[in-house]
Protein backbone atom coordinates (compact mmCIF):
# COMPACT_ATOMS: atom_id res chain seq x y z
CA MET A 1 -126.08 -5.76 -171.99
CA THR A 2 -127.54 -9.23 -171.36
CA SER A 3 -131.23 -9.82 -170.70
CA MET A 4 -130.42 -10.63 -167.06
CA ASN A 5 -128.54 -7.36 -166.67
CA LEU A 6 -131.38 -5.53 -168.38
CA LEU A 7 -133.79 -6.83 -165.77
CA ALA A 8 -131.43 -5.79 -162.96
CA ALA A 9 -130.63 -2.35 -164.33
CA PRO A 10 -132.53 0.47 -162.58
CA ILE A 11 -135.20 2.53 -164.30
CA ALA A 12 -136.88 5.66 -163.02
CA ILE A 13 -138.94 8.61 -164.20
CA VAL A 14 -139.85 12.00 -162.75
CA VAL A 15 -142.40 14.49 -164.12
CA HIS A 16 -143.50 18.01 -163.27
CA GLY A 17 -146.51 20.14 -164.10
CA GLY A 18 -145.13 23.53 -163.17
CA ALA A 19 -144.47 25.58 -160.04
CA GLY A 20 -146.31 28.60 -158.75
CA SER A 21 -148.65 30.19 -156.24
CA ALA A 22 -150.03 28.31 -153.26
CA GLN A 23 -153.47 29.69 -154.14
CA LEU A 24 -153.56 27.44 -157.20
CA PRO A 25 -154.93 24.93 -157.84
CA GLN A 26 -158.21 24.43 -155.93
CA PRO A 27 -158.77 20.98 -154.34
CA ALA A 28 -160.78 19.52 -157.23
CA ARG A 29 -158.21 20.74 -159.75
CA GLU A 30 -155.38 19.47 -157.59
CA GLU A 31 -156.82 15.96 -157.63
CA ALA A 32 -157.37 16.14 -161.38
CA GLN A 33 -153.77 17.23 -161.88
CA ARG A 34 -152.50 14.39 -159.72
CA GLN A 35 -154.42 11.93 -161.88
CA VAL A 36 -152.82 13.30 -165.04
CA LEU A 37 -149.38 13.21 -163.42
CA GLU A 38 -149.98 9.57 -162.51
CA ARG A 39 -151.05 8.70 -166.04
CA ALA A 40 -147.97 10.44 -167.41
CA LEU A 41 -145.69 8.53 -165.04
CA LYS A 42 -147.27 5.19 -165.91
CA ALA A 43 -147.06 5.90 -169.64
CA GLY A 44 -143.35 6.60 -169.44
CA HIS A 45 -142.49 3.94 -166.88
CA GLY A 46 -144.40 1.30 -168.81
CA LEU A 47 -142.15 1.89 -171.79
CA LEU A 48 -139.02 1.80 -169.65
CA ALA A 49 -140.11 -1.52 -168.15
CA GLN A 50 -140.39 -2.93 -171.67
CA GLY A 51 -136.84 -1.86 -172.47
CA ALA A 52 -137.68 1.31 -174.38
CA SER A 53 -135.34 4.30 -174.36
CA ALA A 54 -135.40 7.14 -171.87
CA VAL A 55 -136.21 9.48 -174.76
CA ASP A 56 -139.29 7.40 -175.61
CA ALA A 57 -140.40 7.52 -171.98
CA VAL A 58 -139.91 11.28 -171.67
CA GLU A 59 -141.84 11.93 -174.88
CA ALA A 60 -144.71 9.63 -173.86
CA ALA A 61 -145.04 11.20 -170.41
CA ILE A 62 -145.04 14.75 -171.76
CA VAL A 63 -147.61 13.92 -174.45
CA VAL A 64 -150.05 12.83 -171.72
CA MET A 65 -149.66 16.22 -170.02
CA GLU A 66 -149.77 18.18 -173.28
CA ASP A 67 -153.08 16.51 -174.10
CA SER A 68 -154.60 17.65 -170.81
CA PRO A 69 -156.11 21.16 -170.55
CA LEU A 70 -154.96 21.26 -166.91
CA PHE A 71 -151.37 22.20 -167.74
CA ASN A 72 -149.75 25.08 -169.59
CA ALA A 73 -148.52 23.00 -172.51
CA GLY A 74 -150.17 21.73 -175.65
CA ARG A 75 -153.95 21.88 -175.27
CA GLY A 76 -153.92 24.04 -172.11
CA SER A 77 -151.37 26.61 -173.27
CA VAL A 78 -151.75 30.20 -172.10
CA PHE A 79 -152.38 33.21 -174.31
CA THR A 80 -150.00 35.94 -175.37
CA ALA A 81 -150.83 39.63 -174.90
CA GLU A 82 -152.44 39.59 -178.36
CA GLY A 83 -154.61 36.55 -177.68
CA THR A 84 -152.50 34.09 -179.66
CA ILE A 85 -150.94 30.83 -178.49
CA GLU A 86 -147.22 30.12 -179.00
CA MET A 87 -145.75 26.88 -177.68
CA ASP A 88 -142.18 25.75 -177.03
CA ALA A 89 -140.60 22.38 -176.30
CA SER A 90 -137.26 20.60 -176.18
CA ILE A 91 -135.87 17.13 -175.60
CA MET A 92 -132.36 15.76 -175.05
CA GLU A 93 -130.71 12.38 -174.52
CA GLY A 94 -127.65 12.01 -172.36
CA ALA A 95 -125.55 9.39 -174.17
CA GLY A 96 -124.57 11.33 -177.28
CA ARG A 97 -126.20 14.59 -176.10
CA SER A 98 -128.50 14.70 -179.12
CA ALA A 99 -131.18 17.36 -178.75
CA GLY A 100 -134.14 18.91 -180.52
CA ALA A 101 -136.35 21.91 -179.86
CA VAL A 102 -139.17 23.98 -181.33
CA GLY A 103 -140.27 27.47 -180.41
CA GLY A 104 -143.25 29.66 -181.10
CA VAL A 105 -145.33 26.96 -182.78
CA THR A 106 -149.09 27.48 -182.95
CA THR A 107 -150.57 24.50 -184.77
CA VAL A 108 -148.51 21.47 -183.67
CA LYS A 109 -150.75 19.33 -181.45
CA ASN A 110 -147.85 17.96 -179.41
CA PRO A 111 -144.80 20.23 -179.46
CA ILE A 112 -142.66 17.62 -177.69
CA ARG A 113 -143.17 15.30 -180.66
CA ALA A 114 -141.96 18.08 -182.94
CA ALA A 115 -138.89 18.59 -180.76
CA ARG A 116 -138.18 14.84 -180.93
CA ALA A 117 -138.56 14.91 -184.70
CA VAL A 118 -136.11 17.81 -184.98
CA MET A 119 -133.62 15.75 -182.96
CA ASP A 120 -134.11 12.53 -184.92
CA ARG A 121 -134.88 13.69 -188.46
CA SER A 122 -133.11 16.98 -189.04
CA PRO A 123 -129.52 18.27 -188.92
CA HIS A 124 -130.63 21.04 -186.55
CA VAL A 125 -131.24 21.44 -182.82
CA MET A 126 -133.88 24.20 -182.83
CA MET A 127 -136.56 25.30 -185.29
CA VAL A 128 -139.07 28.08 -184.67
CA GLY A 129 -142.27 29.64 -185.93
CA ARG A 130 -143.91 28.92 -189.25
CA GLY A 131 -140.84 27.16 -190.59
CA ALA A 132 -140.96 24.68 -187.72
CA GLU A 133 -144.69 24.14 -188.25
CA ALA A 134 -144.32 23.55 -191.99
CA TRP A 135 -141.47 21.14 -191.37
CA ALA A 136 -143.47 19.28 -188.71
CA GLN A 137 -146.43 18.93 -191.05
CA ARG A 138 -144.22 17.64 -193.86
CA ASN A 139 -142.88 15.03 -191.45
CA GLY A 140 -146.33 13.72 -190.63
CA LEU A 141 -146.86 15.23 -187.18
CA GLU A 142 -150.44 15.81 -186.08
CA MET A 143 -151.61 19.42 -186.35
CA ALA A 144 -154.53 21.13 -184.60
CA PRO A 145 -156.49 24.38 -185.05
CA LEU A 146 -156.49 27.23 -182.51
CA GLU A 147 -159.87 26.08 -181.19
CA TYR A 148 -158.24 22.87 -179.93
CA PHE A 149 -155.83 24.80 -177.69
CA ARG A 150 -158.22 27.55 -176.58
CA THR A 151 -159.75 26.80 -173.17
CA PRO A 152 -162.15 28.92 -171.06
CA GLU A 153 -159.77 28.94 -168.12
CA ARG A 154 -156.88 30.33 -170.16
CA LEU A 155 -159.14 32.99 -171.67
CA ARG A 156 -160.20 33.99 -168.15
CA GLU A 157 -156.56 34.19 -167.09
CA LEU A 158 -155.80 36.45 -170.05
CA GLU A 159 -158.65 38.78 -169.11
CA GLU A 160 -157.45 38.85 -165.51
CA TRP A 161 -153.94 39.64 -166.69
CA LYS A 162 -155.24 42.51 -168.86
CA ALA A 163 -157.25 43.88 -165.94
CA ARG A 164 -154.25 44.04 -163.62
CA THR A 165 -151.88 45.46 -166.24
CA ARG A 166 -151.96 49.22 -166.14
CA PRO A 167 -152.06 51.18 -169.43
CA GLY A 168 -148.62 52.03 -170.64
CA LYS A 169 -146.93 49.28 -168.65
CA SER A 170 -144.91 46.69 -170.60
CA ARG A 171 -147.01 43.57 -171.05
CA SER A 172 -144.37 40.91 -170.73
CA GLY A 173 -145.81 38.51 -168.18
CA GLY A 174 -146.49 38.74 -164.48
CA GLY A 175 -146.30 36.97 -161.16
CA VAL A 176 -145.41 33.50 -160.06
CA SER A 177 -148.83 32.07 -160.86
CA ASP A 178 -148.26 32.89 -164.54
CA HIS A 179 -145.59 30.18 -164.68
CA TRP A 180 -147.83 27.43 -163.31
CA GLY A 181 -148.33 24.54 -165.68
CA THR A 182 -145.17 24.08 -167.75
CA VAL A 183 -144.57 20.32 -168.01
CA GLY A 184 -141.46 18.22 -168.13
CA ALA A 185 -140.00 14.78 -167.58
CA VAL A 186 -136.67 13.11 -166.93
CA ALA A 187 -136.02 9.38 -167.24
CA LEU A 188 -133.36 6.69 -166.81
CA ASP A 189 -133.59 3.59 -168.99
CA ARG A 190 -132.26 0.02 -168.72
CA ASN A 191 -129.15 0.95 -170.72
CA GLY A 192 -128.21 3.64 -168.22
CA THR A 193 -129.14 6.45 -170.60
CA LEU A 194 -130.73 9.62 -169.25
CA ALA A 195 -133.14 11.90 -171.08
CA ALA A 196 -135.00 15.12 -170.35
CA GLY A 197 -137.80 17.08 -171.98
CA THR A 198 -139.84 20.20 -171.33
CA SER A 199 -142.96 21.70 -172.95
CA THR A 200 -144.79 24.97 -172.33
CA GLY A 201 -147.15 27.63 -173.55
CA GLY A 202 -144.99 30.25 -171.83
CA MET A 203 -146.31 33.09 -169.68
CA THR A 204 -149.79 34.60 -169.75
CA GLY A 205 -149.54 37.97 -171.47
CA LYS A 206 -146.09 37.38 -172.90
CA LEU A 207 -145.15 39.44 -175.94
CA PRO A 208 -145.66 37.53 -179.20
CA GLY A 209 -142.34 36.06 -180.27
CA ARG A 210 -141.02 35.64 -176.75
CA LEU A 211 -139.14 32.43 -175.98
CA GLY A 212 -138.46 31.26 -172.46
CA ASP A 213 -136.07 28.64 -171.16
CA SER A 214 -138.14 25.56 -172.07
CA PRO A 215 -136.88 25.21 -175.67
CA ILE A 216 -133.30 26.18 -174.80
CA ILE A 217 -130.87 23.34 -174.22
CA GLY A 218 -128.84 24.04 -171.09
CA ALA A 219 -131.37 26.48 -169.67
CA GLY A 220 -134.67 24.61 -169.33
CA THR A 221 -133.61 21.13 -170.46
CA PHE A 222 -130.36 19.18 -170.24
CA ALA A 223 -129.22 15.55 -170.18
CA ASP A 224 -125.71 14.14 -169.84
CA ASN A 225 -125.03 10.56 -168.77
CA ARG A 226 -121.92 11.77 -166.96
CA ALA A 227 -124.08 13.80 -164.59
CA CYS A 228 -127.87 14.07 -164.76
CA ALA A 229 -131.05 14.87 -166.65
CA ILE A 230 -132.84 18.11 -165.73
CA SER A 231 -136.16 19.75 -166.65
CA CYS A 232 -137.03 23.21 -165.38
CA THR A 233 -140.11 25.35 -164.84
CA GLY A 234 -140.44 28.95 -163.72
CA HIS A 235 -139.59 32.48 -164.80
CA GLY A 236 -137.72 31.57 -167.96
CA GLU A 237 -135.68 34.74 -168.33
CA PHE A 238 -133.82 33.92 -165.11
CA PHE A 239 -133.31 30.29 -166.05
CA ILE A 240 -131.78 31.41 -169.35
CA ARG A 241 -129.48 33.98 -167.75
CA HIS A 242 -128.15 31.46 -165.25
CA GLY A 243 -128.08 28.41 -167.54
CA VAL A 244 -129.84 26.51 -164.80
CA ALA A 245 -130.10 23.00 -166.25
CA SER A 246 -126.49 22.83 -167.44
CA ASP A 247 -125.22 24.55 -164.28
CA ILE A 248 -126.60 21.73 -162.14
CA ALA A 249 -124.85 19.17 -164.35
CA ALA A 250 -121.60 21.16 -164.28
CA ARG A 251 -121.62 21.32 -160.48
CA MET A 252 -121.98 17.56 -160.39
CA ARG A 253 -119.10 16.99 -162.82
CA TYR A 254 -116.61 19.62 -161.73
CA LEU A 255 -117.42 20.13 -158.04
CA GLN A 256 -118.45 16.52 -157.41
CA GLN A 257 -121.68 17.71 -155.82
CA PRO A 258 -124.47 15.11 -155.50
CA LEU A 259 -127.55 15.81 -157.62
CA LYS A 260 -129.72 17.00 -154.74
CA GLN A 261 -127.05 19.38 -153.48
CA ALA A 262 -126.38 20.83 -156.93
CA ALA A 263 -130.09 21.36 -157.55
CA ARG A 264 -130.61 22.98 -154.16
CA VAL A 265 -127.69 25.37 -154.58
CA VAL A 266 -128.76 26.53 -158.02
CA VAL A 267 -132.47 26.95 -157.19
CA GLN A 268 -132.10 28.40 -153.69
CA GLU A 269 -128.72 30.16 -153.72
CA VAL A 270 -128.33 31.27 -157.33
CA LEU A 271 -131.83 31.73 -158.75
CA LEU A 272 -133.71 32.99 -155.71
CA PRO A 273 -131.34 35.85 -154.76
CA ALA A 274 -131.42 36.97 -158.41
CA GLY A 275 -135.23 37.13 -158.33
CA GLY A 276 -135.82 33.90 -160.25
CA ARG A 277 -138.77 31.81 -159.11
CA GLY A 278 -139.34 28.24 -160.18
CA ALA A 279 -138.30 24.63 -159.87
CA VAL A 280 -136.31 21.75 -161.30
CA ILE A 281 -136.61 17.97 -161.43
CA GLY A 282 -133.60 15.75 -161.94
CA LEU A 283 -132.29 12.21 -162.19
CA ASP A 284 -128.72 10.99 -162.05
CA ALA A 285 -127.23 7.87 -163.63
CA LYS A 286 -127.87 5.83 -160.46
CA GLY A 287 -131.54 6.77 -160.37
CA ASN A 288 -131.28 9.31 -157.57
CA ILE A 289 -134.10 11.85 -157.77
CA ALA A 290 -134.05 15.57 -157.08
CA VAL A 291 -137.05 17.89 -156.86
CA GLU A 292 -136.24 21.45 -155.84
CA PHE A 293 -138.44 24.57 -155.89
CA ASN A 294 -138.45 28.05 -154.39
CA THR A 295 -142.15 28.71 -155.00
CA PRO A 296 -144.98 27.91 -152.57
CA ALA A 297 -146.09 24.89 -154.58
CA MET A 298 -145.08 22.53 -157.37
CA ALA A 299 -146.90 19.80 -159.28
CA ARG A 300 -144.64 16.75 -159.55
CA GLY A 301 -144.48 12.99 -159.41
CA SER A 302 -142.06 10.11 -159.72
CA ILE A 303 -141.64 6.37 -160.00
CA ASP A 304 -138.30 5.54 -158.41
CA CYS A 305 -135.94 2.62 -158.95
CA ASP A 306 -137.96 0.53 -156.47
CA GLY A 307 -141.14 1.14 -158.45
CA LYS A 308 -142.68 3.43 -155.84
CA LEU A 309 -145.09 5.98 -157.36
CA THR A 310 -145.66 9.33 -155.67
CA THR A 311 -147.40 12.53 -156.77
CA SER A 312 -147.83 15.90 -155.10
CA VAL A 313 -149.12 19.32 -156.08
CA LEU A 314 -149.16 21.66 -153.10
CA GLY A 315 -146.22 22.48 -150.84
CA ARG A 316 -143.46 20.12 -149.78
């Protein structure tokens, strides 16, 4: 592609910070979240404007959100039922469909960087637990102690979860608000390549060892240049069962549905009747954007092909 074509080629990026209850966040927190979303968008879009890859942009945007205690990923990750923190992340590029993921990591400062490293530096797609952490450390990724991830708000949420969980009842996560805060990004670069990534701390009160959809390619994250790039957030068990991210791409390829239609059908007509609550963001190869959610609110933002930046947290 010539330099002139590079300048003409569209670029775009979309991010999300989770979907959940309309009661969260409060106005001051909403504004703080919007500021982080804007920083994430600018970090990723700035790279795209310089000719960097969609994968680079997705990673950069997610790192900004992982470093903020306002989202349920990286530093602000929620606690398991036993008071531990276990984080998951995945990333995928749509040209060759390379992908990487980590699950159940506790000491990796930025799980999305570990997922990228698995994609780029290993023969595998997914690594989990202590093996993934040891491998990440050997590959020079920054590690952090539990104190870095532990925040007063997440401790309060854990105590609230314990208080509303009756003795003898399975402690495997709760209502819609427990899913608020998972982060993700999708991007389109100058070469026409799509990429997607997702990072999360999971669900407050989840059983130790539980993995949701975020680290699973095809469920919480998917990218294919022939269709779209998708990042999901919500009740992961339902997103796994319905293969949400890959289903949207399949509807585009095999049913010739536009991105927005495919996203709407899956989120509103497949997930919702099954009891699955959550949201998706998407980009297609032309830079068309989709944001679809069946929860009262969703934190999201985008910079479209015209360079217009928008962010929103509550409602539609």
